[in-house]
Amino acid sequence: MVILAAIGNLLIIWIIATKPLMRNIMNQYLMNLTLSDFLSVTFNASFNFIFMLHQHWPFGKIYCIANNFIANLTIVSSVSTMMLISIDR
């Protein structure tokens, strides 16, 4: 599931970034949502799944702090982007 989510998000980012007709405000909002979802999937989902399975964090204290920061950053980014989309609409 993590691999499919990462591939899907990368495809959306690639399509919006490479096609000039796709560069409008709404697609930039969607690209921001996709980027935050990609960061969440790649830097949080797998690591948190391993932690939940083993009840032990084997990735070190520094990545524990970074993992929590990335989780909060992606949530704030997603919520803020959805708020901007609703204001724009």
C-alpha atoms as a PDB file:
ATOM      1  CA  MET A   1       0.000   0.000   0.000  1.00  0.00           C
ATOM      2  CA  VAL A   2       2.849   2.360   0.831  1.00  0.00           C
ATOM      3  CA  ILE A   3       4.574   1.673  -2.480  1.00  0.00           C
ATOM      4  CA  LEU A   4       1.376   2.217  -4.484  1.00  0.00           C
ATOM      5  CA  ALA A   5       0.657   5.458  -2.619  1.00  0.00           C
ATOM      6  CA  ALA A   6       4.180   6.730  -3.263  1.00  0.00           C
ATOM      7  CA  ILE A   7       4.017   5.825  -6.961  1.00  0.00           C
ATOM      8  CA  GLY A   8       0.582   7.417  -7.357  1.00  0.00           C
ATOM      9  CA  ASN A   9       1.677  10.624  -5.662  1.00  0.00           C
ATOM     10  CA  LEU A  10       4.840  10.797  -7.758  1.00  0.00           C
ATOM     11  CA  LEU A  11       2.792  10.348 -10.932  1.00  0.00           C
ATOM     12  CA  ILE A  12       0.511  13.243 -10.004  1.00  0.00           C
ATOM     13  CA  ILE A  13       3.473  15.471  -9.153  1.00  0.00           C
ATOM     14  CA  TRP A  14       5.188  14.524 -12.430  1.00  0.00           C
ATOM     15  CA  ILE A  15       2.070  15.210 -14.517  1.00  0.00           C
ATOM     16  CA  ILE A  16       1.412  18.622 -12.975  1.00  0.00           C
ATOM     17  CA  ALA A  17       5.079  19.627 -13.088  1.00  0.00           C
ATOM     18  CA  THR A  18       5.735  18.644 -16.698  1.00  0.00           C
ATOM     19  CA  LYS A  19       2.526  19.678 -18.463  1.00  0.00           C
ATOM     20  CA  PRO A  20       2.257  23.460 -19.006  1.00  0.00           C
ATOM     21  CA  LEU A  21      -1.543  23.292 -19.328  1.00  0.00           C
ATOM     22  CA  MET A  22      -1.769  21.792 -15.842  1.00  0.00           C
ATOM     23  CA  ARG A  23      -0.118  24.793 -14.177  1.00  0.00           C
ATOM     24  CA  ASN A  24      -3.061  26.663 -12.700  1.00  0.00           C
ATOM     25  CA  ILE A  25      -3.905  27.633  -9.143  1.00  0.00           C
ATOM     26  CA  MET A  26      -6.147  24.654  -8.370  1.00  0.00           C
ATOM     27  CA  ASN A  27      -3.586  22.162  -9.642  1.00  0.00           C
ATOM     28  CA  GLN A  28      -0.889  23.875  -7.583  1.00  0.00           C
ATOM     29  CA  TYR A  29      -3.079  23.308  -4.509  1.00  0.00           C
ATOM     30  CA  LEU A  30      -3.530  19.670  -5.510  1.00  0.00           C
ATOM     31  CA  MET A  31       0.212  19.342  -6.065  1.00  0.00           C
ATOM     32  CA  ASN A  32       0.829  20.676  -2.560  1.00  0.00           C
ATOM     33  CA  LEU A  33      -1.632  18.122  -1.130  1.00  0.00           C
ATOM     34  CA  THR A  34       0.060  15.391  -3.134  1.00  0.00           C
ATOM     35  CA  LEU A  35       3.512  16.431  -1.963  1.00  0.00           C
ATOM     36  CA  SER A  36       2.484  16.427   1.699  1.00  0.00           C
ATOM     37  CA  ASP A  37       0.846  13.006   1.242  1.00  0.00           C
ATOM     38  CA  PHE A  38       4.003  11.711  -0.460  1.00  0.00           C
ATOM     39  CA  LEU A  39       6.160  12.950   2.429  1.00  0.00           C
ATOM     40  CA  SER A  40       3.781  11.365   4.925  1.00  0.00           C
ATOM     41  CA  VAL A  41       3.801   8.036   3.115  1.00  0.00           C
ATOM     42  CA  THR A  42       7.545   7.841   2.583  1.00  0.00           C
ATOM     43  CA  PHE A  43       8.811   9.226   5.891  1.00  0.00           C
ATOM     44  CA  ASN A  44       6.071   8.208   8.339  1.00  0.00           C
ATOM     45  CA  ALA A  45       3.894   5.287   7.317  1.00  0.00           C
ATOM     46  CA  SER A  46       6.495   2.531   7.061  1.00  0.00           C
ATOM     47  CA  PHE A  47       8.419   3.585  10.137  1.00  0.00           C
ATOM     48  CA  ASN A  48       5.306   3.945  12.286  1.00  0.00           C
ATOM     49  CA  PHE A  49       4.047   0.563  11.064  1.00  0.00           C
ATOM     50  CA  ILE A  50       7.292  -1.097  12.175  1.00  0.00           C
ATOM     51  CA  PHE A  51       7.028   0.687  15.526  1.00  0.00           C
ATOM     52  CA  MET A  52       3.450  -0.524  16.011  1.00  0.00           C
ATOM     53  CA  LEU A  53       4.420  -4.119  15.176  1.00  0.00           C
ATOM     54  CA  HIS A  54       7.407  -4.366  17.513  1.00  0.00           C
ATOM     55  CA  GLN A  55       6.575  -1.775  20.196  1.00  0.00           C
ATOM     56  CA  HIS A  56      10.166  -0.576  19.848  1.00  0.00           C
ATOM     57  CA  TRP A  57      11.659   2.340  17.882  1.00  0.00           C
ATOM     58  CA  PRO A  58      14.831   0.967  16.214  1.00  0.00           C
ATOM     59  CA  PHE A  59      15.557   4.068  14.093  1.00  0.00           C
ATOM     60  CA  GLY A  60      17.269   6.230  16.688  1.00  0.00           C
ATOM     61  CA  LYS A  61      16.346   9.286  18.705  1.00  0.00           C
ATOM     62  CA  ILE A  62      17.125  11.827  15.962  1.00  0.00           C
ATOM     63  CA  TYR A  63      14.798  10.186  13.458  1.00  0.00           C
ATOM     64  CA  CYS A  64      12.148   9.866  16.152  1.00  0.00           C
ATOM     65  CA  ILE A  65      12.174  13.655  16.487  1.00  0.00           C
ATOM     66  CA  ALA A  66      12.312  14.116  12.702  1.00  0.00           C
ATOM     67  CA  ASN A  67       9.473  11.624  12.201  1.00  0.00           C
ATOM     68  CA  ASN A  68       7.202  13.514  14.588  1.00  0.00           C
ATOM     69  CA  PHE A  69       8.124  16.827  12.954  1.00  0.00           C
ATOM     70  CA  ILE A  70       7.383  15.487   9.469  1.00  0.00           C
ATOM     71  CA  ALA A  71       4.051  14.063  10.653  1.00  0.00           C
ATOM     72  CA  ASN A  72       3.005  17.421  12.094  1.00  0.00           C
ATOM     73  CA  LEU A  73       4.331  19.325   9.070  1.00  0.00           C
ATOM     74  CA  THR A  74       2.397  17.203   6.576  1.00  0.00           C
ATOM     75  CA  ILE A  75      -0.831  17.458   8.569  1.00  0.00           C
ATOM     76  CA  VAL A  76      -0.565  21.242   8.863  1.00  0.00           C
ATOM     77  CA  SER A  77       0.288  21.495   5.166  1.00  0.00           C
ATOM     78  CA  SER A  78      -2.704  19.370   4.140  1.00  0.00           C
ATOM     79  CA  VAL A  79      -5.161  21.204   6.374  1.00  0.00           C
ATOM     80  CA  SER A  80      -3.883  24.623   5.308  1.00  0.00           C
ATOM     81  CA  THR A  81      -4.062  23.693   1.639  1.00  0.00           C
ATOM     82  CA  MET A  82      -7.613  22.374   1.987  1.00  0.00           C
ATOM     83  CA  MET A  83      -8.557  25.578   3.791  1.00  0.00           C
ATOM     84  CA  LEU A  84      -7.091  27.644   0.927  1.00  0.00           C
ATOM     85  CA  ILE A  85      -8.973  25.549  -1.614  1.00  0.00           C
ATOM     86  CA  SER A  86     -12.256  26.166   0.207  1.00  0.00           C
ATOM     87  CA  ILE A  87     -11.534  29.896   0.474  1.00  0.00           C
ATOM     88  CA  ASP A  88     -10.663  30.007  -3.226  1.00  0.00           C
ATOM     89  CA  ARG A  89     -13.883  28.249  -4.142  1.00  0.00           C
END
